[in-house]
Amino acid sequence: MTNLDTSPSVSTETAYLLSIPVETLRPLIEDVLRSVDGFPGWPLGQVALEEKSAAICIGVKPHVLRDARLRLKLPHTLVGRTVTYTSDELKSSLNRMSVNH
């Protein structure tokens, strides 16, 4: 059996050191984390948002989210008198209400 490959052999032992400052990558990392973990605009590190902020994150007016909570029994958490939502609560509710599910 003959070897038909006549190209010169390339060494795979060459290693290159690439140094990128973490601050340069921070915006990219934060964008990736937002897209994976929650909604666009959901603040990193926030477990739950108040109703007004949560409404803005999912792109509706606060009264729309409030009405949906009251009529459709959206899962939420009361902290005192403050209504809060986690991104998981909102995702599951939106999936459940989706017309195409």
N, C-alpha and C. Protein backbone atom coordinates (compact mmCIF):
# COMPACT_ATOMS: atom_id res chain seq x y z
N MET A 1 0.84 -1.16 0.00
CA MET A 1 0.00 0.00 0.00
C MET A 1 0.90 1.23 0.00
N THR A 2 0.60 2.20 -0.85
CA THR A 2 1.44 3.38 -0.97
C THR A 2 0.73 4.59 -0.37
N ASN A 3 1.52 5.51 0.13
CA ASN A 3 0.98 6.73 0.70
C ASN A 3 0.91 7.77 -0.41
N LEU A 4 -0.28 8.23 -0.77
CA LEU A 4 -0.45 9.19 -1.85
C LEU A 4 -0.32 10.63 -1.37
N ASP A 5 -0.32 10.85 -0.09
CA ASP A 5 -0.24 12.21 0.45
C ASP A 5 1.21 12.68 0.35
N THR A 6 1.46 13.71 -0.48
CA THR A 6 2.82 14.20 -0.67
C THR A 6 3.06 15.52 0.03
N SER A 7 2.06 16.00 0.80
CA SER A 7 2.24 17.29 1.48
C SER A 7 3.21 17.11 2.64
N PRO A 8 3.96 18.15 2.95
CA PRO A 8 4.91 18.04 4.05
C PRO A 8 4.17 17.84 5.37
N SER A 9 4.77 17.12 6.24
CA SER A 9 4.18 16.83 7.54
C SER A 9 4.24 18.09 8.41
N VAL A 10 3.13 18.38 9.11
CA VAL A 10 3.05 19.56 9.98
C VAL A 10 3.14 19.09 11.43
N SER A 11 4.02 19.72 12.16
CA SER A 11 4.19 19.35 13.56
C SER A 11 3.03 19.90 14.38
N THR A 12 2.47 19.05 15.21
CA THR A 12 1.39 19.48 16.09
C THR A 12 1.91 19.82 17.48
N GLU A 13 3.20 19.80 17.64
CA GLU A 13 3.79 20.06 18.94
C GLU A 13 4.01 21.54 19.20
N THR A 14 3.82 22.39 18.22
CA THR A 14 4.03 23.82 18.41
C THR A 14 2.86 24.38 19.21
N ALA A 15 3.17 25.06 20.29
CA ALA A 15 2.14 25.67 21.12
C ALA A 15 2.32 27.18 21.11
N TYR A 16 1.22 27.87 21.06
CA TYR A 16 1.24 29.32 21.07
C TYR A 16 0.55 29.81 22.34
N LEU A 17 1.12 30.79 22.96
CA LEU A 17 0.54 31.36 24.16
C LEU A 17 -0.23 32.62 23.76
N LEU A 18 -1.50 32.63 24.07
CA LEU A 18 -2.35 33.77 23.75
C LEU A 18 -2.77 34.41 25.06
N SER A 19 -2.44 35.66 25.20
CA SER A 19 -2.77 36.36 26.44
C SER A 19 -3.80 37.44 26.14
N ILE A 20 -5.00 37.27 26.71
CA ILE A 20 -6.08 38.25 26.53
C ILE A 20 -6.51 38.71 27.91
N PRO A 21 -6.51 40.00 28.13
CA PRO A 21 -6.94 40.50 29.45
C PRO A 21 -8.41 40.14 29.70
N VAL A 22 -8.71 39.75 30.93
CA VAL A 22 -10.06 39.34 31.30
C VAL A 22 -11.06 40.46 31.04
N GLU A 23 -10.68 41.69 31.28
CA GLU A 23 -11.60 42.82 31.07
C GLU A 23 -12.02 42.94 29.61
N THR A 24 -11.18 42.49 28.69
CA THR A 24 -11.54 42.52 27.28
C THR A 24 -12.63 41.50 26.98
N LEU A 25 -12.59 40.37 27.67
CA LEU A 25 -13.56 39.30 27.43
C LEU A 25 -14.84 39.45 28.24
N ARG A 26 -14.84 40.29 29.28
CA ARG A 26 -15.98 40.41 30.18
C ARG A 26 -17.30 40.68 29.45
N PRO A 27 -17.38 41.65 28.50
CA PRO A 27 -18.66 41.88 27.81
C PRO A 27 -19.15 40.65 27.05
N LEU A 28 -18.26 39.92 26.42
CA LEU A 28 -18.63 38.71 25.69
C LEU A 28 -19.15 37.64 26.65
N ILE A 29 -18.46 37.45 27.76
CA ILE A 29 -18.87 36.45 28.75
C ILE A 29 -20.24 36.81 29.32
N GLU A 30 -20.47 38.08 29.63
CA GLU A 30 -21.76 38.50 30.17
C GLU A 30 -22.88 38.30 29.16
N ASP A 31 -22.63 38.58 27.88
CA ASP A 31 -23.65 38.35 26.85
C ASP A 31 -24.01 36.88 26.74
N VAL A 32 -23.00 36.03 26.79
CA VAL A 32 -23.25 34.59 26.70
C VAL A 32 -24.05 34.12 27.91
N LEU A 33 -23.68 34.57 29.10
CA LEU A 33 -24.40 34.16 30.30
C LEU A 33 -25.86 34.63 30.26
N ARG A 34 -26.10 35.84 29.78
CA ARG A 34 -27.47 36.33 29.68
C ARG A 34 -28.29 35.50 28.71
N SER A 35 -27.70 35.14 27.59
CA SER A 35 -28.45 34.40 26.59
C SER A 35 -28.74 32.97 27.04
N VAL A 36 -27.88 32.41 27.86
CA VAL A 36 -28.06 31.04 28.32
C VAL A 36 -28.99 31.00 29.53
N ASP A 37 -28.80 31.91 30.47
CA ASP A 37 -29.47 31.81 31.74
C ASP A 37 -30.84 32.48 31.81
N GLY A 38 -31.04 33.52 31.12
CA GLY A 38 -32.29 34.24 31.31
C GLY A 38 -32.72 34.98 30.07
N PHE A 39 -33.34 36.09 30.30
CA PHE A 39 -33.84 36.93 29.23
C PHE A 39 -32.82 38.02 28.94
N PRO A 40 -32.85 38.53 27.69
CA PRO A 40 -31.96 39.67 27.40
C PRO A 40 -32.32 40.82 28.35
N GLY A 41 -31.34 41.41 28.93
CA GLY A 41 -31.59 42.51 29.85
C GLY A 41 -31.76 42.08 31.29
N TRP A 42 -31.84 40.76 31.54
CA TRP A 42 -31.95 40.28 32.92
C TRP A 42 -30.60 40.53 33.59
N PRO A 43 -30.56 41.29 34.67
CA PRO A 43 -29.27 41.61 35.30
C PRO A 43 -28.57 40.35 35.81
N LEU A 44 -27.29 40.25 35.50
CA LEU A 44 -26.50 39.11 35.98
C LEU A 44 -26.47 39.11 37.50
N GLY A 45 -26.60 37.95 38.07
CA GLY A 45 -26.54 37.82 39.51
C GLY A 45 -27.86 38.04 40.22
N GLN A 46 -28.89 38.47 39.50
CA GLN A 46 -30.20 38.68 40.11
C GLN A 46 -31.00 37.39 40.07
N VAL A 47 -31.43 36.94 41.22
CA VAL A 47 -32.23 35.72 41.29
C VAL A 47 -33.66 36.01 40.87
N ALA A 48 -34.19 37.14 41.30
CA ALA A 48 -35.57 37.51 40.98
C ALA A 48 -35.64 39.01 40.75
N LEU A 49 -36.66 39.40 39.98
CA LEU A 49 -36.87 40.82 39.73
C LEU A 49 -38.27 41.22 40.17
N GLU A 50 -38.40 42.48 40.56
CA GLU A 50 -39.72 43.01 40.87
C GLU A 50 -40.54 43.07 39.58
N GLU A 51 -41.84 43.18 39.74
CA GLU A 51 -42.75 43.07 38.61
C GLU A 51 -42.42 44.03 37.48
N LYS A 52 -42.15 45.29 37.81
CA LYS A 52 -41.87 46.28 36.76
C LYS A 52 -40.61 45.90 35.96
N SER A 53 -39.55 45.53 36.65
CA SER A 53 -38.30 45.16 35.97
C SER A 53 -38.46 43.88 35.17
N ALA A 54 -39.19 42.91 35.72
CA ALA A 54 -39.41 41.64 35.02
C ALA A 54 -40.21 41.88 33.74
N ALA A 55 -41.20 42.76 33.80
CA ALA A 55 -42.01 43.08 32.62
C ALA A 55 -41.14 43.68 31.52
N ILE A 56 -40.27 44.58 31.90
CA ILE A 56 -39.37 45.21 30.92
C ILE A 56 -38.47 44.16 30.27
N CYS A 57 -37.96 43.22 31.08
CA CYS A 57 -37.07 42.17 30.56
C CYS A 57 -37.76 41.28 29.54
N ILE A 58 -39.04 41.00 29.73
CA ILE A 58 -39.72 40.12 28.77
C ILE A 58 -40.44 40.91 27.68
N GLY A 59 -40.33 42.24 27.75
CA GLY A 59 -40.83 43.07 26.66
C GLY A 59 -42.32 43.39 26.72
N VAL A 60 -42.89 43.44 27.92
CA VAL A 60 -44.29 43.84 28.06
C VAL A 60 -44.38 44.97 29.08
N LYS A 61 -45.51 45.64 29.08
CA LYS A 61 -45.73 46.70 30.06
C LYS A 61 -46.06 46.05 31.42
N PRO A 62 -45.71 46.72 32.50
CA PRO A 62 -45.94 46.14 33.83
C PRO A 62 -47.40 45.73 34.07
N HIS A 63 -48.36 46.49 33.57
CA HIS A 63 -49.76 46.13 33.82
C HIS A 63 -50.14 44.83 33.09
N VAL A 64 -49.48 44.54 31.99
CA VAL A 64 -49.75 43.29 31.27
C VAL A 64 -49.30 42.10 32.11
N LEU A 65 -48.12 42.21 32.69
CA LEU A 65 -47.62 41.13 33.54
C LEU A 65 -48.48 41.00 34.80
N ARG A 66 -48.87 42.12 35.38
CA ARG A 66 -49.73 42.08 36.56
C ARG A 66 -51.07 41.41 36.25
N ASP A 67 -51.69 41.81 35.13
CA ASP A 67 -52.97 41.22 34.75
C ASP A 67 -52.84 39.72 34.48
N ALA A 68 -51.75 39.33 33.83
CA ALA A 68 -51.53 37.91 33.57
C ALA A 68 -51.36 37.16 34.89
N ARG A 69 -50.67 37.76 35.84
CA ARG A 69 -50.49 37.13 37.15
C ARG A 69 -51.84 36.94 37.84
N LEU A 70 -52.67 37.98 37.78
CA LEU A 70 -53.96 37.91 38.48
C LEU A 70 -54.95 36.97 37.79
N ARG A 71 -54.97 36.97 36.46
CA ARG A 71 -55.93 36.15 35.72
C ARG A 71 -55.46 34.72 35.50
N LEU A 72 -54.19 34.58 35.16
CA LEU A 72 -53.68 33.27 34.76
C LEU A 72 -52.90 32.57 35.86
N LYS A 73 -52.83 33.20 36.99
CA LYS A 73 -52.12 32.61 38.12
C LYS A 73 -50.65 32.31 37.80
N LEU A 74 -49.95 33.32 37.28
CA LEU A 74 -48.52 33.16 37.02
C LEU A 74 -47.80 32.88 38.33
N PRO A 75 -46.84 31.96 38.31
CA PRO A 75 -46.08 31.73 39.54
C PRO A 75 -45.26 32.98 39.88
N HIS A 76 -45.26 33.34 41.10
CA HIS A 76 -44.53 34.52 41.57
C HIS A 76 -44.20 34.32 43.04
N THR A 77 -43.42 35.23 43.57
CA THR A 77 -43.06 35.18 44.98
C THR A 77 -43.39 36.53 45.60
N LEU A 78 -43.99 36.49 46.76
CA LEU A 78 -44.25 37.72 47.50
C LEU A 78 -43.17 37.90 48.56
N VAL A 79 -42.52 39.04 48.52
CA VAL A 79 -41.56 39.42 49.55
C VAL A 79 -42.17 40.63 50.23
N GLY A 80 -42.84 40.35 51.33
CA GLY A 80 -43.65 41.40 51.94
C GLY A 80 -44.83 41.65 51.01
N ARG A 81 -44.93 42.88 50.50
CA ARG A 81 -45.99 43.20 49.53
C ARG A 81 -45.45 43.33 48.11
N THR A 82 -44.18 43.02 47.94
CA THR A 82 -43.54 43.15 46.63
C THR A 82 -43.62 41.84 45.86
N VAL A 83 -44.13 41.93 44.64
CA VAL A 83 -44.24 40.76 43.77
C VAL A 83 -42.93 40.61 43.00
N THR A 84 -42.35 39.42 43.05
CA THR A 84 -41.12 39.16 42.31
C THR A 84 -41.29 37.91 41.47
N TYR A 85 -40.48 37.83 40.41
CA TYR A 85 -40.48 36.69 39.49
C TYR A 85 -39.05 36.23 39.28
N THR A 86 -38.85 34.92 39.20
CA THR A 86 -37.55 34.40 38.78
C THR A 86 -37.61 34.18 37.27
N SER A 87 -36.46 34.07 36.65
CA SER A 87 -36.46 33.86 35.20
C SER A 87 -37.05 32.50 34.88
N ASP A 88 -36.84 31.50 35.74
CA ASP A 88 -37.43 30.16 35.50
C ASP A 88 -38.95 30.21 35.55
N GLU A 89 -39.51 30.96 36.52
CA GLU A 89 -40.96 31.11 36.60
C GLU A 89 -41.52 31.73 35.33
N LEU A 90 -40.85 32.78 34.86
CA LEU A 90 -41.33 33.46 33.65
C LEU A 90 -41.18 32.58 32.41
N LYS A 91 -40.05 31.88 32.30
CA LYS A 91 -39.85 31.01 31.14
C LYS A 91 -40.91 29.92 31.07
N SER A 92 -41.15 29.25 32.20
CA SER A 92 -42.13 28.17 32.19
C SER A 92 -43.53 28.70 31.90
N SER A 93 -43.86 29.86 32.42
CA SER A 93 -45.18 30.46 32.16
C SER A 93 -45.33 30.84 30.69
N LEU A 94 -44.30 31.46 30.13
CA LEU A 94 -44.36 31.84 28.73
C LEU A 94 -44.45 30.62 27.82
N ASN A 95 -43.73 29.58 28.14
CA ASN A 95 -43.80 28.34 27.36
C ASN A 95 -45.20 27.72 27.43
N ARG A 96 -45.78 27.75 28.62
CA ARG A 96 -47.11 27.20 28.82
C ARG A 96 -48.17 27.99 28.05
N MET A 97 -47.99 29.31 27.97
CA MET A 97 -48.95 30.18 27.29
C MET A 97 -48.70 30.28 25.80
N SER A 98 -47.57 29.75 25.34
CA SER A 98 -47.21 29.87 23.93
C SER A 98 -48.26 29.25 23.03
N VAL A 99 -48.58 29.92 21.94
CA VAL A 99 -49.57 29.44 20.99
C VAL A 99 -49.05 28.22 20.23
N ASN A 100 -47.76 28.15 20.02
CA ASN A 100 -47.16 27.09 19.19
C ASN A 100 -46.61 25.92 19.99
N HIS A 101 -47.00 25.73 21.24
CA HIS A 101 -46.40 24.64 22.01
C HIS A 101 -47.11 23.34 21.82
